[in-house]
Amino acid sequence: MRRSKEDAQQTRKKIIEAAEEVFFHQGIARTTLEQIARAAGVTRGAIYWNFANKVDLINAVHAEVQMPAEEILKRILADDTSEALDKLEKHCVDTLLQLYMDEHIRRVYSILLIKCEHSEETRLVNERLRESKLEMTHNLERFFARLQQHGHMSPSEEPRLLALGLYSFMLGLYSDYLRYPDFYQMPGDAGKMVQRFFVSLR
């Protein structure tokens, strides 16, 4: 039984890795489950056993890089001490450095931010990303409001706009760096750019 479970987990991992490869080179809209099955060396049935459809598979590819960073961010946004803003700034810098250093992370975010052509499947992916943005900006807004209430940051800024601004700032950096990495002097630019956003909050 244990061997069967390990085999199933290994098959799922192979499918996700193959999907990442094919999505990256062909884009989401032009990729079929048959192509992913061939790249993974499995049958289409094995894909449907593990994933409901292509959108489910795209979400699994995204989750491979999203989940660890999200857990760290959740802990930071639950903090309302005087160090919380510094921790959030460091987290933003760290995620940019990971994008710079980790090819796997670059490939996944390239799929989502650059190679996500218009189609019914990508519409569903974008709806999920929109829901994620709503949750993230809501949590950031509450975080900034709490820090203002505790006197840990400037009270003159509107938390809702700060939340949208930070989300858009980081998303823009991700997207632009993926498209034009030669414009940036990494790793040094990561901290300097993020600092520009946070310096006005203190």
C-alpha atoms as a PDB file:
ATOM      1  CA  MET A   1       0.000   0.000   0.000  1.00  0.00           C
ATOM      2  CA  ARG A   2       2.831   2.365   0.907  1.00  0.00           C
ATOM      3  CA  ARG A   3       4.599   1.622  -2.379  1.00  0.00           C
ATOM      4  CA  SER A   4       1.409   2.352  -4.317  1.00  0.00           C
ATOM      5  CA  LYS A   5       1.005   5.671  -2.527  1.00  0.00           C
ATOM      6  CA  GLU A   6       4.615   6.605  -3.258  1.00  0.00           C
ATOM      7  CA  ASP A   7       4.154   5.615  -6.905  1.00  0.00           C
ATOM      8  CA  ALA A   8       1.032   7.770  -7.144  1.00  0.00           C
ATOM      9  CA  GLN A   9       2.842  10.738  -5.622  1.00  0.00           C
ATOM     10  CA  GLN A  10       5.752  10.239  -8.014  1.00  0.00           C
ATOM     11  CA  THR A  11       3.386  10.106 -10.987  1.00  0.00           C
ATOM     12  CA  ARG A  12       1.681  13.309  -9.871  1.00  0.00           C
ATOM     13  CA  LYS A  13       5.072  15.010  -9.495  1.00  0.00           C
ATOM     14  CA  LYS A  14       6.133  13.891 -12.999  1.00  0.00           C
ATOM     15  CA  ILE A  15       2.923  15.297 -14.479  1.00  0.00           C
ATOM     16  CA  ILE A  16       3.367  18.661 -12.754  1.00  0.00           C
ATOM     17  CA  GLU A  17       6.998  18.907 -13.876  1.00  0.00           C
ATOM     18  CA  ALA A  18       6.078  17.996 -17.455  1.00  0.00           C
ATOM     19  CA  ALA A  19       3.201  20.494 -17.452  1.00  0.00           C
ATOM     20  CA  GLU A  20       5.530  23.253 -16.293  1.00  0.00           C
ATOM     21  CA  GLU A  21       7.942  22.438 -19.125  1.00  0.00           C
ATOM     22  CA  VAL A  22       5.298  22.351 -21.858  1.00  0.00           C
ATOM     23  CA  PHE A  23       3.390  25.399 -20.582  1.00  0.00           C
ATOM     24  CA  PHE A  24       6.630  27.373 -20.446  1.00  0.00           C
ATOM     25  CA  HIS A  25       7.630  26.589 -24.030  1.00  0.00           C
ATOM     26  CA  GLN A  26       4.194  26.634 -25.679  1.00  0.00           C
ATOM     27  CA  GLY A  27       2.014  28.803 -23.481  1.00  0.00           C
ATOM     28  CA  ILE A  28      -1.160  27.655 -21.773  1.00  0.00           C
ATOM     29  CA  ALA A  29      -3.645  27.983 -24.628  1.00  0.00           C
ATOM     30  CA  ARG A  30      -1.592  25.940 -27.121  1.00  0.00           C
ATOM     31  CA  THR A  31      -0.844  23.133 -24.701  1.00  0.00           C
ATOM     32  CA  THR A  32      -2.960  19.978 -24.647  1.00  0.00           C
ATOM     33  CA  LEU A  33      -3.207  17.309 -21.983  1.00  0.00           C
ATOM     34  CA  GLU A  34      -2.039  14.805 -24.593  1.00  0.00           C
ATOM     35  CA  GLN A  35       1.212  16.751 -25.003  1.00  0.00           C
ATOM     36  CA  ILE A  36       1.697  16.857 -21.249  1.00  0.00           C
ATOM     37  CA  ALA A  37       1.024  13.117 -20.976  1.00  0.00           C
ATOM     38  CA  ARG A  38       3.673  12.384 -23.619  1.00  0.00           C
ATOM     39  CA  ALA A  39       6.188  14.684 -21.928  1.00  0.00           C
ATOM     40  CA  ALA A  40       5.536  12.989 -18.576  1.00  0.00           C
ATOM     41  CA  GLY A  41       5.593   9.480 -20.037  1.00  0.00           C
ATOM     42  CA  VAL A  42       2.116   8.681 -18.725  1.00  0.00           C
ATOM     43  CA  THR A  43      -1.347   8.151 -20.190  1.00  0.00           C
ATOM     44  CA  ARG A  44      -4.053  10.817 -20.360  1.00  0.00           C
ATOM     45  CA  GLY A  45      -5.937   8.638 -17.907  1.00  0.00           C
ATOM     46  CA  ALA A  46      -3.167   9.151 -15.370  1.00  0.00           C
ATOM     47  CA  ILE A  47      -3.563  12.909 -15.752  1.00  0.00           C
ATOM     48  CA  TYR A  48      -7.343  12.750 -15.253  1.00  0.00           C
ATOM     49  CA  TRP A  49      -6.807  10.501 -12.232  1.00  0.00           C
ATOM     50  CA  ASN A  50      -4.763  13.284 -10.596  1.00  0.00           C
ATOM     51  CA  PHE A  51      -6.304  16.449 -12.043  1.00  0.00           C
ATOM     52  CA  ALA A  52      -9.846  17.398 -12.973  1.00  0.00           C
ATOM     53  CA  ASN A  53      -8.794  19.395 -16.047  1.00  0.00           C
ATOM     54  CA  LYS A  54      -6.045  21.627 -17.429  1.00  0.00           C
ATOM     55  CA  VAL A  55      -6.972  24.501 -15.122  1.00  0.00           C
ATOM     56  CA  ASP A  56      -6.571  22.212 -12.106  1.00  0.00           C
ATOM     57  CA  LEU A  57      -3.141  21.251 -13.422  1.00  0.00           C
ATOM     58  CA  ILE A  58      -2.144  24.901 -13.945  1.00  0.00           C
ATOM     59  CA  ASN A  59      -3.173  25.628 -10.353  1.00  0.00           C
ATOM     60  CA  ALA A  60      -1.017  22.730  -9.148  1.00  0.00           C
ATOM     61  CA  VAL A  61       1.984  24.095 -11.051  1.00  0.00           C
ATOM     62  CA  HIS A  62       1.417  27.497  -9.424  1.00  0.00           C
ATOM     63  CA  ALA A  63       0.989  26.002  -5.957  1.00  0.00           C
ATOM     64  CA  GLU A  64       4.455  24.432  -6.173  1.00  0.00           C
ATOM     65  CA  VAL A  65       6.054  27.867  -5.758  1.00  0.00           C
ATOM     66  CA  GLN A  66       3.224  29.848  -4.165  1.00  0.00           C
ATOM     67  CA  MET A  67       2.511  27.888  -1.008  1.00  0.00           C
ATOM     68  CA  PRO A  68       5.833  28.290   0.879  1.00  0.00           C
ATOM     69  CA  ALA A  69       5.920  32.066   0.341  1.00  0.00           C
ATOM     70  CA  GLU A  70       2.227  32.391   1.255  1.00  0.00           C
ATOM     71  CA  GLU A  71       2.742  30.678   4.604  1.00  0.00           C
ATOM     72  CA  ILE A  72       5.539  33.087   5.497  1.00  0.00           C
ATOM     73  CA  LEU A  73       3.439  36.063   4.414  1.00  0.00           C
ATOM     74  CA  LYS A  74       0.433  34.922   6.460  1.00  0.00           C
ATOM     75  CA  ARG A  75       2.569  34.848   9.601  1.00  0.00           C
ATOM     76  CA  ILE A  76       3.904  38.335   8.867  1.00  0.00           C
ATOM     77  CA  LEU A  77       0.440  39.799   8.245  1.00  0.00           C
ATOM     78  CA  ALA A  78      -0.788  38.344  11.544  1.00  0.00           C
ATOM     79  CA  ASP A  79       1.900  40.349  13.364  1.00  0.00           C
ATOM     80  CA  ASP A  80       1.199  43.847  14.676  1.00  0.00           C
ATOM     81  CA  THR A  81       4.452  44.548  16.522  1.00  0.00           C
ATOM     82  CA  SER A  82       6.871  47.350  15.722  1.00  0.00           C
ATOM     83  CA  GLU A  83       8.987  44.913  13.671  1.00  0.00           C
ATOM     84  CA  ALA A  84       6.112  43.806  11.404  1.00  0.00           C
ATOM     85  CA  LEU A  85       6.708  46.402   8.682  1.00  0.00           C
ATOM     86  CA  ASP A  86      10.410  45.518   8.529  1.00  0.00           C
ATOM     87  CA  LYS A  87       9.484  41.846   8.215  1.00  0.00           C
ATOM     88  CA  LEU A  88       7.113  42.580   5.330  1.00  0.00           C
ATOM     89  CA  GLU A  89       9.759  44.643   3.547  1.00  0.00           C
ATOM     90  CA  LYS A  90      12.304  41.831   3.970  1.00  0.00           C
ATOM     91  CA  HIS A  91       9.787  39.311   2.639  1.00  0.00           C
ATOM     92  CA  CYS A  92       9.228  41.416  -0.484  1.00  0.00           C
ATOM     93  CA  VAL A  93      12.984  41.626  -1.052  1.00  0.00           C
ATOM     94  CA  ASP A  94      13.393  37.886  -0.458  1.00  0.00           C
ATOM     95  CA  THR A  95      10.735  36.985  -3.038  1.00  0.00           C
ATOM     96  CA  LEU A  96      12.442  39.163  -5.663  1.00  0.00           C
ATOM     97  CA  LEU A  97      15.775  37.517  -4.869  1.00  0.00           C
ATOM     98  CA  GLN A  98      14.158  34.088  -5.210  1.00  0.00           C
ATOM     99  CA  LEU A  99      12.827  35.124  -8.606  1.00  0.00           C
ATOM    100  CA  TYR A 100      16.356  36.132  -9.584  1.00  0.00           C
ATOM    101  CA  MET A 101      18.086  33.005  -8.241  1.00  0.00           C
ATOM    102  CA  ASP A 102      15.576  30.203  -8.823  1.00  0.00           C
ATOM    103  CA  GLU A 103      14.897  29.119 -12.412  1.00  0.00           C
ATOM    104  CA  HIS A 104      11.937  27.004 -11.325  1.00  0.00           C
ATOM    105  CA  ILE A 105      10.204  30.030  -9.787  1.00  0.00           C
ATOM    106  CA  ARG A 106      10.963  32.150 -12.858  1.00  0.00           C
ATOM    107  CA  ARG A 107       9.436  29.547 -15.165  1.00  0.00           C
ATOM    108  CA  VAL A 108       6.219  29.224 -13.156  1.00  0.00           C
ATOM    109  CA  TYR A 109       5.665  32.974 -12.912  1.00  0.00           C
ATOM    110  CA  SER A 110       6.521  33.377 -16.588  1.00  0.00           C
ATOM    111  CA  ILE A 111       3.717  30.915 -17.355  1.00  0.00           C
ATOM    112  CA  LEU A 112       1.206  32.856 -15.239  1.00  0.00           C
ATOM    113  CA  LEU A 113       2.249  36.423 -16.037  1.00  0.00           C
ATOM    114  CA  ILE A 114       3.567  36.232 -19.603  1.00  0.00           C
ATOM    115  CA  LYS A 115       2.439  33.024 -21.294  1.00  0.00           C
ATOM    116  CA  CYS A 116      -1.202  33.133 -20.177  1.00  0.00           C
ATOM    117  CA  GLU A 117      -2.899  33.863 -23.526  1.00  0.00           C
ATOM    118  CA  HIS A 118      -6.622  34.605 -23.764  1.00  0.00           C
ATOM    119  CA  SER A 119      -8.750  31.444 -23.760  1.00  0.00           C
ATOM    120  CA  GLU A 120     -11.546  29.884 -21.724  1.00  0.00           C
ATOM    121  CA  GLU A 121      -9.003  28.002 -19.621  1.00  0.00           C
ATOM    122  CA  THR A 122      -6.906  31.076 -18.888  1.00  0.00           C
ATOM    123  CA  ARG A 123     -10.079  32.987 -18.047  1.00  0.00           C
ATOM    124  CA  LEU A 124     -10.661  30.514 -15.239  1.00  0.00           C
ATOM    125  CA  VAL A 125      -7.031  30.829 -14.153  1.00  0.00           C
ATOM    126  CA  ASN A 126      -7.326  34.612 -14.113  1.00  0.00           C
ATOM    127  CA  GLU A 127     -10.517  34.389 -12.058  1.00  0.00           C
ATOM    128  CA  ARG A 128      -8.608  32.380  -9.463  1.00  0.00           C
ATOM    129  CA  LEU A 129      -5.771  34.921  -9.501  1.00  0.00           C
ATOM    130  CA  ARG A 130      -8.339  37.699  -9.042  1.00  0.00           C
ATOM    131  CA  GLU A 131      -9.740  35.935  -5.982  1.00  0.00           C
ATOM    132  CA  SER A 132      -6.211  35.560  -4.651  1.00  0.00           C
ATOM    133  CA  LYS A 133      -5.616  39.295  -5.186  1.00  0.00           C
ATOM    134  CA  LEU A 134      -8.827  40.178  -3.351  1.00  0.00           C
ATOM    135  CA  GLU A 135      -7.790  38.073  -0.370  1.00  0.00           C
ATOM    136  CA  MET A 136      -4.219  39.388  -0.386  1.00  0.00           C
ATOM    137  CA  THR A 137      -5.122  43.078  -0.650  1.00  0.00           C
ATOM    138  CA  HIS A 138      -7.807  42.660   2.026  1.00  0.00           C
ATOM    139  CA  ASN A 139      -5.256  41.096   4.394  1.00  0.00           C
ATOM    140  CA  LEU A 140      -2.698  43.802   3.604  1.00  0.00           C
ATOM    141  CA  GLU A 141      -5.277  46.523   4.221  1.00  0.00           C
ATOM    142  CA  ARG A 142      -6.101  45.114   7.644  1.00  0.00           C
ATOM    143  CA  PHE A 143      -2.379  44.730   8.387  1.00  0.00           C
ATOM    144  CA  PHE A 144      -1.606  48.365   7.556  1.00  0.00           C
ATOM    145  CA  ALA A 145      -4.648  49.564   9.517  1.00  0.00           C
ATOM    146  CA  ARG A 146      -3.526  47.651  12.630  1.00  0.00           C
ATOM    147  CA  LEU A 147      -0.004  49.046  12.399  1.00  0.00           C
ATOM    148  CA  GLN A 148      -1.420  52.564  12.153  1.00  0.00           C
ATOM    149  CA  GLN A 149      -3.623  51.961  15.185  1.00  0.00           C
ATOM    150  CA  HIS A 150      -0.589  50.806  17.176  1.00  0.00           C
ATOM    151  CA  GLY A 151       1.483  53.767  16.026  1.00  0.00           C
ATOM    152  CA  HIS A 152       3.962  51.626  14.097  1.00  0.00           C
ATOM    153  CA  MET A 153       3.651  53.446  10.776  1.00  0.00           C
ATOM    154  CA  SER A 154       2.571  56.751   9.283  1.00  0.00           C
ATOM    155  CA  PRO A 155      -1.129  57.472   9.940  1.00  0.00           C
ATOM    156  CA  SER A 156      -1.466  59.736   6.901  1.00  0.00           C
ATOM    157  CA  GLU A 157      -1.792  56.965   4.301  1.00  0.00           C
ATOM    158  CA  GLU A 158      -5.007  55.104   3.446  1.00  0.00           C
ATOM    159  CA  PRO A 159      -4.571  51.360   4.163  1.00  0.00           C
ATOM    160  CA  ARG A 160      -6.680  50.328   1.161  1.00  0.00           C
ATOM    161  CA  LEU A 161      -4.489  52.309  -1.233  1.00  0.00           C
ATOM    162  CA  LEU A 162      -1.323  51.045   0.443  1.00  0.00           C
ATOM    163  CA  ALA A 163      -2.503  47.465  -0.017  1.00  0.00           C
ATOM    164  CA  LEU A 164      -3.332  47.968  -3.704  1.00  0.00           C
ATOM    165  CA  GLY A 165      -0.136  49.930  -4.213  1.00  0.00           C
ATOM    166  CA  LEU A 166       2.128  47.282  -2.710  1.00  0.00           C
ATOM    167  CA  TYR A 167       0.395  44.465  -4.584  1.00  0.00           C
ATOM    168  CA  SER A 168       0.659  46.333  -7.893  1.00  0.00           C
ATOM    169  CA  PHE A 169       4.244  47.391  -7.201  1.00  0.00           C
ATOM    170  CA  MET A 170       5.438  43.831  -6.566  1.00  0.00           C
ATOM    171  CA  LEU A 171       3.426  42.353  -9.439  1.00  0.00           C
ATOM    172  CA  GLY A 172       4.861  44.991 -11.767  1.00  0.00           C
ATOM    173  CA  LEU A 173       8.410  44.233 -10.644  1.00  0.00           C
ATOM    174  CA  TYR A 174       7.858  40.507 -11.150  1.00  0.00           C
ATOM    175  CA  SER A 175       6.394  40.954 -14.622  1.00  0.00           C
ATOM    176  CA  ASP A 176       8.951  43.487 -15.811  1.00  0.00           C
ATOM    177  CA  TYR A 177      11.916  41.528 -14.469  1.00  0.00           C
ATOM    178  CA  LEU A 178      10.693  38.367 -16.213  1.00  0.00           C
ATOM    179  CA  ARG A 179      10.381  40.231 -19.519  1.00  0.00           C
ATOM    180  CA  TYR A 180      13.488  42.397 -19.326  1.00  0.00           C
ATOM    181  CA  PRO A 181      15.948  40.928 -16.791  1.00  0.00           C
ATOM    182  CA  ASP A 182      18.880  42.721 -18.448  1.00  0.00           C
ATOM    183  CA  PHE A 183      17.474  46.073 -17.274  1.00  0.00           C
ATOM    184  CA  TYR A 184      18.119  45.110 -13.641  1.00  0.00           C
ATOM    185  CA  GLN A 185      21.329  44.799 -11.662  1.00  0.00           C
ATOM    186  CA  MET A 186      20.416  41.910  -9.430  1.00  0.00           C
ATOM    187  CA  PRO A 187      20.752  41.044  -6.630  1.00  0.00           C
ATOM    188  CA  GLY A 188      21.573  44.583  -5.495  1.00  0.00           C
ATOM    189  CA  ASP A 189      18.543  46.262  -7.071  1.00  0.00           C
ATOM    190  CA  ALA A 190      16.029  44.125  -5.170  1.00  0.00           C
ATOM    191  CA  GLY A 191      16.495  45.760  -1.776  1.00  0.00           C
ATOM    192  CA  LYS A 192      16.924  49.253  -3.204  1.00  0.00           C
ATOM    193  CA  MET A 193      13.701  49.108  -5.223  1.00  0.00           C
ATOM    194  CA  VAL A 194      11.573  47.670  -2.430  1.00  0.00           C
ATOM    195  CA  GLN A 195      12.965  50.217   0.009  1.00  0.00           C
ATOM    196  CA  ARG A 196      11.613  53.012  -2.213  1.00  0.00           C
ATOM    197  CA  PHE A 197       8.077  51.822  -1.507  1.00  0.00           C
ATOM    198  CA  PHE A 198       8.476  51.277   2.236  1.00  0.00           C
ATOM    199  CA  VAL A 199      10.425  54.408   3.087  1.00  0.00           C
ATOM    200  CA  SER A 200       7.290  56.561   2.847  1.00  0.00           C
ATOM    201  CA  LEU A 201       5.373  54.372   5.304  1.00  0.00           C
ATOM    202  CA  ARG A 202       7.537  55.051   8.314  1.00  0.00           C
END
